[in-house]
Amino acid sequence: MSILIIFENKDSGPWEKILKEKLPNTLIEVYPNVKDSSTVNFVICWKPKNNVLSKFPNVKVIQSVGASIDHITNSQKISNSTIITRIIDKQLSIDMWEFLVAVVLSEIKNLPDYANQQKLKIWKQHQYQSIKNTTIAVMGLGKIGGLVAENFANLGFKVKGWSSSKKEISKVHSFSGAHEFDDFLENSNFLINLLPLTKQTEGILNEKILQKLTTGTFLINVGRGEHLIDKDLIKLLDSSHLSGALLDVFHEEPLPENHPFWTHPKIKITPHIASLTNIESVINQVIENYRRFINTQELLHTISIQKGY
């Protein structure tokens, strides 16, 4: 029985070091350096390459080191008997909230405009917007989205949220299901996407949906790149239906140098940095799941492969 770490574009060194210290009697290996593939039962994953897990026929548990699992399920064939678990860490939610409130405050106080004016030595004042007159619409009210929506509301923003099922969050107007989606989209200043990526949500940020937003809405996508139809966003920005966009996630990462997003004047780009897994914050959660696995106990934060969350 062994633990295998499979990370793509992520440093596995710190994880290997801490796991070996905390589990001294367990074989810890890092792909592709595996002595015997048949002994691998527990895999710790981040963006594994296509079907790499098929090389390990006895895997029983796949542990994502992020809050999502689409980076695993979209590239692997996984049997129904395999358990997938994810990270639930309040610090991930807090980091996301801090990033988003920074973006929103920067926009309503016109800081990007003043940064551009400084380069041109232009002294010009712009009318700003107050928190109490700003409406935030949050798509996705899971662990992260729920905290984000609640914290915006506690700051004094008008907040509404949408999810597949009804959520009760203090000071947040909750919408759910397809029948309430159009009402949710109306009369917002910012639309923040925090949905999980599933077959149902892929491509949800398309022209038909985004056209339903009030003219002048600012889009923030911190969900997944696959939620957004790129060409539709550009069309709606060029027509001024949307006032701007902040994108932290993309179909292809790193974003190719020739992608039109780089040079679009109404798009701001960040390199998938809104919220990162902190090893010190989550390592004990991963180890606890491994110990539960070897003791045939129920694992923490398991995921429905069918639902994708």
Protein backbone atom coordinates (compact mmCIF):
# COMPACT_ATOMS: atom_id res chain seq x y z
CA MET A 1 0.00 0.00 0.00
CA SER A 2 1.41 3.40 -0.98
CA ILE A 3 0.58 7.04 -1.57
CA LEU A 4 1.32 8.53 -4.97
CA ILE A 5 1.59 12.26 -5.67
CA ILE A 6 0.70 13.32 -9.22
CA PHE A 7 1.11 17.06 -9.79
CA GLU A 8 1.21 18.84 -13.13
CA ASN A 9 2.73 22.35 -13.08
CA LYS A 10 2.87 22.29 -9.29
CA ASP A 11 5.83 21.67 -6.98
CA SER A 12 5.41 18.31 -5.26
CA GLY A 13 8.55 18.68 -3.11
CA PRO A 14 6.96 20.27 -0.03
CA TRP A 15 4.11 17.75 -0.08
CA GLU A 16 6.47 14.79 -0.35
CA LYS A 17 8.64 16.11 2.49
CA ILE A 18 5.80 16.69 4.95
CA LEU A 19 4.01 13.44 4.11
CA LYS A 20 7.20 11.43 4.70
CA GLU A 21 7.70 13.19 8.03
CA LYS A 22 4.14 12.62 9.22
CA LEU A 23 3.70 9.12 7.73
CA PRO A 24 7.16 7.55 8.24
CA ASN A 25 5.93 3.98 7.78
CA THR A 26 4.12 4.68 4.51
CA LEU A 27 5.70 4.55 1.07
CA ILE A 28 5.36 8.01 -0.52
CA GLU A 29 6.13 8.21 -4.24
CA VAL A 30 6.01 10.98 -6.82
CA TYR A 31 4.93 10.28 -10.39
CA PRO A 32 6.53 9.09 -12.65
CA ASN A 33 8.97 7.48 -10.19
CA VAL A 34 6.89 4.50 -9.10
CA LYS A 35 8.41 1.14 -8.15
CA ASP A 36 5.26 -0.97 -8.37
CA SER A 37 2.08 0.51 -9.83
CA SER A 38 -0.05 -2.26 -8.32
CA THR A 39 0.69 -1.07 -4.75
CA VAL A 40 -0.72 2.43 -5.30
CA ASN A 41 -4.06 2.79 -3.51
CA PHE A 42 -4.21 6.47 -2.56
CA VAL A 43 -3.42 9.23 -5.07
CA ILE A 44 -2.96 12.92 -4.29
CA CYS A 45 -3.69 14.85 -7.49
CA TRP A 46 -3.49 18.18 -9.23
CA LYS A 47 -4.28 18.37 -12.96
CA PRO A 48 -3.07 14.87 -13.89
CA LYS A 49 -2.35 14.28 -17.57
CA ASN A 50 -4.88 12.44 -19.70
CA ASN A 51 -5.67 8.95 -18.39
CA VAL A 52 -2.50 8.74 -16.29
CA LEU A 53 -4.51 7.14 -13.49
CA SER A 54 -5.28 4.16 -15.72
CA LYS A 55 -1.69 3.03 -15.06
CA PHE A 56 -2.63 2.31 -11.46
CA PRO A 57 -5.32 -0.39 -11.39
CA ASN A 58 -5.72 -0.58 -7.61
CA VAL A 59 -6.39 3.08 -6.81
CA LYS A 60 -9.20 3.35 -4.29
CA VAL A 61 -9.03 7.05 -3.35
CA ILE A 62 -8.19 10.15 -5.39
CA GLN A 63 -7.53 13.20 -3.23
CA SER A 64 -7.74 16.57 -4.99
CA VAL A 65 -5.52 19.24 -3.44
CA GLY A 66 -7.98 21.93 -4.49
CA ALA A 67 -11.61 22.73 -3.81
CA SER A 68 -12.67 21.35 -7.21
CA ILE A 69 -12.37 18.00 -8.98
CA ASP A 70 -12.96 18.95 -12.63
CA HIS A 71 -9.18 18.97 -13.19
CA ILE A 72 -9.34 15.23 -12.44
CA THR A 73 -12.68 14.08 -13.85
CA ASN A 74 -12.23 15.89 -17.17
CA SER A 75 -9.01 14.03 -17.99
CA GLN A 76 -9.42 10.62 -16.37
CA LYS A 77 -11.60 7.54 -16.69
CA ILE A 78 -12.66 6.81 -13.13
CA SER A 79 -14.62 3.79 -11.95
CA ASN A 80 -17.71 4.29 -9.84
CA SER A 81 -16.04 2.42 -6.98
CA THR A 82 -13.23 4.97 -6.71
CA ILE A 83 -13.72 7.64 -4.06
CA ILE A 84 -12.82 11.24 -4.92
CA THR A 85 -12.28 13.77 -2.17
CA ARG A 86 -11.52 17.47 -2.24
CA ILE A 87 -10.13 20.15 0.04
CA ILE A 88 -12.49 22.25 2.12
CA ASP A 89 -10.43 24.92 3.81
CA LYS A 90 -11.80 28.16 5.23
CA GLN A 91 -8.56 29.93 4.30
CA LEU A 92 -9.26 29.20 0.62
CA SER A 93 -12.62 30.92 1.01
CA ILE A 94 -11.13 33.86 2.89
CA ASP A 95 -8.41 34.34 0.27
CA MET A 96 -11.03 34.31 -2.48
CA TRP A 97 -13.14 36.87 -0.62
CA GLU A 98 -10.14 39.17 -0.09
CA PHE A 99 -9.28 39.00 -3.80
CA LEU A 100 -12.85 39.74 -4.88
CA VAL A 101 -13.43 42.64 -2.51
CA ALA A 102 -10.16 44.16 -3.73
CA VAL A 103 -11.35 43.91 -7.34
CA VAL A 104 -14.81 45.34 -6.64
CA LEU A 105 -13.57 48.25 -4.51
CA SER A 106 -10.92 49.06 -7.11
CA GLU A 107 -13.60 49.26 -9.80
CA ILE A 108 -16.21 51.31 -7.94
CA LYS A 109 -13.54 53.79 -6.83
CA ASN A 110 -12.06 54.03 -10.38
CA LEU A 111 -8.52 53.04 -9.37
CA PRO A 112 -7.66 51.44 -12.75
CA ASP A 113 -8.64 54.70 -14.49
CA TYR A 114 -6.40 56.72 -12.20
CA ALA A 115 -3.50 54.32 -12.76
CA ASN A 116 -3.83 54.86 -16.51
CA GLN A 117 -4.15 58.63 -16.07
CA GLN A 118 -0.97 58.72 -14.02
CA LYS A 119 0.99 57.19 -16.90
CA LEU A 120 -0.29 60.00 -19.14
CA LYS A 121 0.01 62.72 -16.45
CA ILE A 122 -3.72 63.44 -16.65
CA TRP A 123 -5.52 65.06 -13.71
CA LYS A 124 -9.20 64.19 -14.04
CA GLN A 125 -11.76 63.24 -11.41
CA HIS A 126 -14.43 60.59 -11.95
CA GLN A 127 -17.69 60.03 -10.11
CA TYR A 128 -17.32 57.05 -7.79
CA GLN A 129 -19.90 54.58 -6.53
CA SER A 130 -20.64 53.83 -2.87
CA ILE A 131 -20.84 50.37 -1.36
CA LYS A 132 -24.47 50.81 -0.31
CA ASN A 133 -25.48 51.52 -3.92
CA THR A 134 -23.60 48.56 -5.41
CA THR A 135 -25.27 45.21 -6.14
CA ILE A 136 -23.21 42.03 -6.28
CA ALA A 137 -24.60 38.87 -7.92
CA VAL A 138 -22.78 35.66 -6.96
CA MET A 139 -23.20 32.53 -9.09
CA GLY A 140 -22.52 29.51 -6.89
CA LEU A 141 -23.21 29.46 -3.16
CA GLY A 142 -21.09 26.54 -2.01
CA LYS A 143 -18.46 26.76 0.74
CA ILE A 144 -16.52 29.51 -1.05
CA GLY A 145 -19.39 31.31 -2.79
CA GLY A 146 -21.50 31.32 0.35
CA LEU A 147 -18.78 32.96 2.41
CA VAL A 148 -18.07 35.47 -0.36
CA ALA A 149 -21.74 36.46 -0.64
CA GLU A 150 -22.18 36.75 3.13
CA ASN A 151 -19.04 38.87 3.56
CA PHE A 152 -20.04 41.27 0.78
CA ALA A 153 -23.44 41.65 2.47
CA ASN A 154 -21.82 42.28 5.86
CA LEU A 155 -19.79 45.11 4.31
CA GLY A 156 -22.98 46.82 3.20
CA PHE A 157 -23.25 45.72 -0.43
CA LYS A 158 -26.59 44.61 -1.83
CA VAL A 159 -26.04 40.91 -2.52
CA LYS A 160 -27.93 38.17 -4.30
CA GLY A 161 -26.85 34.64 -5.01
CA TRP A 162 -27.84 31.80 -7.31
CA SER A 163 -27.29 28.07 -6.91
CA SER A 164 -28.86 24.79 -7.98
CA SER A 165 -30.71 24.49 -4.67
CA LYS A 166 -32.02 27.16 -2.31
CA LYS A 167 -29.53 28.52 0.24
CA GLU A 168 -30.29 30.51 3.36
CA ILE A 169 -27.54 33.12 3.90
CA SER A 170 -27.95 36.15 6.13
CA LYS A 171 -28.63 39.39 4.21
CA VAL A 172 -28.34 37.60 0.83
CA HIS A 173 -31.29 37.33 -1.57
CA SER A 174 -31.11 33.71 -2.67
CA PHE A 175 -32.25 32.41 -6.07
CA SER A 176 -32.17 28.80 -7.21
CA GLY A 177 -32.86 26.64 -10.21
CA ALA A 178 -33.38 27.48 -13.86
CA HIS A 179 -36.78 29.08 -13.21
CA GLU A 180 -35.21 31.84 -11.08
CA PHE A 181 -32.04 32.39 -13.09
CA ASP A 182 -33.27 35.27 -15.26
CA ASP A 183 -34.57 37.18 -12.23
CA PHE A 184 -31.20 36.68 -10.53
CA LEU A 185 -29.34 38.22 -13.48
CA GLU A 186 -31.29 41.48 -13.48
CA ASN A 187 -30.14 44.76 -11.95
CA SER A 188 -26.60 43.96 -10.83
CA ASN A 189 -23.38 45.96 -10.99
CA PHE A 190 -21.09 42.93 -10.71
CA LEU A 191 -21.58 39.30 -11.68
CA ILE A 192 -19.15 36.97 -9.91
CA ASN A 193 -18.90 33.37 -11.13
CA LEU A 194 -17.97 30.81 -8.46
CA LEU A 195 -19.83 27.82 -9.88
CA PRO A 196 -18.29 24.35 -9.99
CA LEU A 197 -17.53 23.13 -13.50
CA THR A 198 -20.03 20.47 -14.53
CA LYS A 199 -21.72 19.40 -17.76
CA GLN A 200 -24.59 21.70 -16.80
CA THR A 201 -22.44 24.78 -16.07
CA GLU A 202 -19.88 24.50 -18.87
CA GLY A 203 -20.34 27.46 -21.23
CA ILE A 204 -22.90 29.11 -18.95
CA LEU A 205 -21.26 32.52 -19.43
CA ASN A 206 -22.39 32.86 -23.04
CA GLU A 207 -23.91 35.64 -25.13
CA LYS A 208 -27.52 34.56 -24.50
CA ILE A 209 -27.06 34.60 -20.72
CA LEU A 210 -24.81 37.65 -20.48
CA GLN A 211 -27.22 39.68 -22.64
CA LYS A 212 -29.74 39.35 -19.81
CA LEU A 213 -27.50 41.34 -17.48
CA THR A 214 -28.20 45.02 -17.00
CA THR A 215 -26.14 47.17 -19.38
CA GLY A 216 -22.90 48.17 -17.69
CA THR A 217 -22.47 45.06 -15.53
CA PHE A 218 -18.87 44.07 -14.75
CA LEU A 219 -18.06 40.34 -15.02
CA ILE A 220 -15.64 38.56 -12.68
CA ASN A 221 -14.81 34.93 -13.52
CA VAL A 222 -12.96 33.09 -10.77
CA GLY A 223 -14.71 29.76 -11.42
CA ARG A 224 -13.24 27.95 -14.42
CA GLY A 225 -12.23 29.11 -17.88
CA GLU A 226 -14.62 26.59 -19.40
CA HIS A 227 -17.57 28.46 -17.93
CA LEU A 228 -16.95 31.31 -20.36
CA ILE A 229 -17.40 31.51 -24.13
CA ASP A 230 -14.46 33.79 -24.95
CA LYS A 231 -15.74 35.24 -28.21
CA ASP A 232 -19.10 36.07 -26.66
CA LEU A 233 -17.43 38.08 -23.91
CA ILE A 234 -15.42 40.10 -26.42
CA LYS A 235 -18.56 40.80 -28.46
CA LEU A 236 -20.47 42.08 -25.42
CA LEU A 237 -17.56 44.23 -24.25
CA ASP A 238 -17.11 45.75 -27.71
CA SER A 239 -20.81 46.63 -27.81
CA SER A 240 -20.53 48.15 -24.30
CA HIS A 241 -23.25 45.87 -22.97
CA LEU A 242 -20.71 44.82 -20.34
CA SER A 243 -18.51 47.53 -18.84
CA GLY A 244 -15.52 45.27 -18.24
CA ALA A 245 -14.26 41.93 -17.00
CA LEU A 246 -11.71 40.52 -14.59
CA LEU A 247 -10.65 37.01 -15.57
CA ASP A 248 -8.56 34.77 -13.31
CA VAL A 249 -9.24 31.46 -15.09
CA PHE A 250 -8.97 30.42 -18.73
CA HIS A 251 -9.56 27.54 -21.15
CA GLU A 252 -5.81 27.18 -21.57
CA GLU A 253 -3.34 28.10 -18.83
CA PRO A 254 -0.97 29.84 -19.10
CA LEU A 255 -3.02 32.04 -21.40
CA PRO A 256 -1.39 31.93 -24.88
CA GLU A 257 0.49 35.09 -25.86
CA ASN A 258 -1.65 35.55 -28.99
CA HIS A 259 -4.97 35.41 -27.14
CA PRO A 260 -7.07 38.56 -27.71
CA PHE A 261 -7.80 38.89 -23.98
CA TRP A 262 -4.26 40.17 -23.38
CA THR A 263 -4.75 43.36 -25.35
CA HIS A 264 -8.45 44.06 -24.86
CA PRO A 265 -8.84 47.44 -23.12
CA LYS A 266 -11.81 46.31 -21.01
CA ILE A 267 -10.33 43.04 -19.74
CA LYS A 268 -8.10 42.62 -16.72
CA ILE A 269 -6.15 39.38 -16.36
CA THR A 270 -4.75 37.66 -13.29
CA PRO A 271 -2.85 34.32 -13.54
CA HIS A 272 -5.21 31.98 -11.63
CA ILE A 273 -4.12 33.52 -8.37
CA ALA A 274 -7.39 34.47 -6.64
CA SER A 275 -7.13 31.64 -4.10
CA LEU A 276 -4.34 29.08 -3.73
CA THR A 277 -4.10 25.94 -1.63
CA ASN A 278 -1.76 26.47 1.32
CA ILE A 279 -0.03 23.22 2.23
CA GLU A 280 0.29 24.08 5.92
CA SER A 281 -3.44 24.76 6.06
CA VAL A 282 -4.60 21.56 4.35
CA ILE A 283 -1.98 18.83 4.80
CA ASN A 284 -3.54 17.47 7.98
CA GLN A 285 -6.86 17.12 6.14
CA VAL A 286 -5.17 14.96 3.49
CA ILE A 287 -3.38 12.84 6.09
CA GLU A 288 -6.61 12.38 8.04
CA ASN A 289 -8.30 11.08 4.90
CA TYR A 290 -5.47 8.61 4.31
CA ARG A 291 -5.72 7.33 7.89
CA ARG A 292 -9.47 6.99 7.53
CA PHE A 293 -8.95 5.06 4.31
CA ILE A 294 -6.57 2.50 5.81
CA ASN A 295 -8.93 2.09 8.77
CA THR A 296 -11.95 1.69 6.46
CA GLN A 297 -13.67 4.75 7.91
CA GLU A 298 -15.81 7.31 6.08
CA LEU A 299 -13.65 9.88 4.29
CA LEU A 300 -13.91 13.65 4.57
CA HIS A 301 -15.31 15.86 1.80
CA THR A 302 -16.19 13.18 -0.74
CA ILE A 303 -17.53 14.22 -4.13
CA SER A 304 -20.32 12.95 -6.33
CA ILE A 305 -18.77 12.15 -9.71
CA GLN A 306 -22.19 12.48 -11.32
CA LYS A 307 -22.80 15.97 -9.91
CA GLY A 308 -19.19 17.14 -10.11
CA TYR A 309 -19.31 18.68 -6.62
